[in-house]
Amino acid sequence: MAPTLLTEDEIARLSADLPGWQVRDGRLALDVTAPSFLQAVGWVVAIAEAAEEMDHHPDIDIRPARDSQWGGL
């Protein structure tokens, strides 16, 4: 079963209600910074497990931040 996409109004409302979240290219996005690479990977695993239960498969990037912490989840 194909997922139901959010409407532009739903995205705008959710981004206003979710602190730190932004709308980028019509999608909700959140940037976070982990203190280490292993912590970032741990967060990805936790997100993946929750997302799998919801049959949701978000785009996730892990990349080093400028200050040597890990961000971009």
Protein backbone atom coordinates (compact mmCIF):
# COMPACT_ATOMS: atom_id res chain seq x y z
CA MET A 1 0.00 0.00 0.00
CA ALA A 2 1.44 3.36 -1.04
CA PRO A 3 1.88 5.92 1.73
CA THR A 4 -0.42 8.92 1.85
CA LEU A 5 1.59 12.06 1.23
CA LEU A 6 1.00 15.11 3.39
CA THR A 7 -0.62 18.11 1.79
CA GLU A 8 1.17 21.47 1.70
CA ASP A 9 -1.17 22.71 4.45
CA GLU A 10 -0.40 19.68 6.64
CA ILE A 11 3.33 20.15 6.15
CA ALA A 12 3.09 23.86 7.03
CA ARG A 13 1.01 23.11 10.14
CA LEU A 14 3.34 20.35 11.32
CA SER A 15 6.47 22.44 10.77
CA ALA A 16 4.91 25.21 12.89
CA ASP A 17 4.03 22.71 15.65
CA LEU A 18 7.37 20.86 15.72
CA PRO A 19 10.24 22.91 17.18
CA GLY A 20 13.41 22.73 15.11
CA TRP A 21 11.74 21.18 12.07
CA GLN A 22 11.78 22.96 8.70
CA VAL A 23 10.19 22.48 5.32
CA ARG A 24 12.78 21.74 2.61
CA ASP A 25 11.76 20.85 -0.91
CA GLY A 26 8.22 20.19 0.29
CA ARG A 27 9.34 17.79 3.03
CA LEU A 28 9.72 18.07 6.77
CA ALA A 29 13.38 18.11 7.82
CA LEU A 30 15.27 18.19 11.11
CA ASP A 31 19.00 18.72 11.63
CA VAL A 32 20.51 17.28 14.78
CA THR A 33 24.08 16.99 16.02
CA ALA A 34 25.44 13.94 17.83
CA PRO A 35 28.53 14.05 20.03
CA SER A 36 30.15 11.17 18.15
CA PHE A 37 29.84 9.07 15.04
CA LEU A 38 28.76 6.02 17.06
CA GLN A 39 26.04 8.04 18.80
CA ALA A 40 24.80 9.26 15.40
CA VAL A 41 24.65 5.67 14.12
CA GLY A 42 22.80 4.63 17.28
CA TRP A 43 20.20 7.31 16.61
CA VAL A 44 19.82 6.09 13.04
CA VAL A 45 19.22 2.54 14.27
CA ALA A 46 16.57 3.76 16.75
CA ILE A 47 14.89 5.85 14.05
CA ALA A 48 15.01 2.93 11.59
CA GLU A 49 13.38 0.56 14.08
CA ALA A 50 10.53 3.00 14.81
CA ALA A 51 10.13 3.85 11.13
CA GLU A 52 9.99 0.18 10.13
CA GLU A 53 7.11 -0.39 12.56
CA MET A 54 5.25 2.46 10.80
CA ASP A 55 6.24 1.26 7.31
CA HIS A 56 7.91 4.66 6.88
CA HIS A 57 11.34 4.95 5.34
CA PRO A 58 12.80 8.44 5.88
CA ASP A 59 15.83 9.86 4.13
CA ILE A 60 18.68 10.00 6.65
CA ASP A 61 22.12 11.54 6.13
CA ILE A 62 25.09 11.20 8.43
CA ARG A 63 27.90 13.61 7.74
CA PRO A 64 30.52 15.34 9.83
CA ALA A 65 29.64 18.81 11.04
CA ARG A 66 32.19 21.62 10.87
CA ASP A 67 32.97 21.49 14.59
CA SER A 68 33.94 17.77 14.51
CA GLN A 69 30.62 16.66 15.95
CA TRP A 70 28.33 14.53 13.85
CA GLY A 71 25.23 16.10 12.38
CA GLY A 72 22.84 15.93 9.49
CA LEU A 73 20.60 13.15 10.78
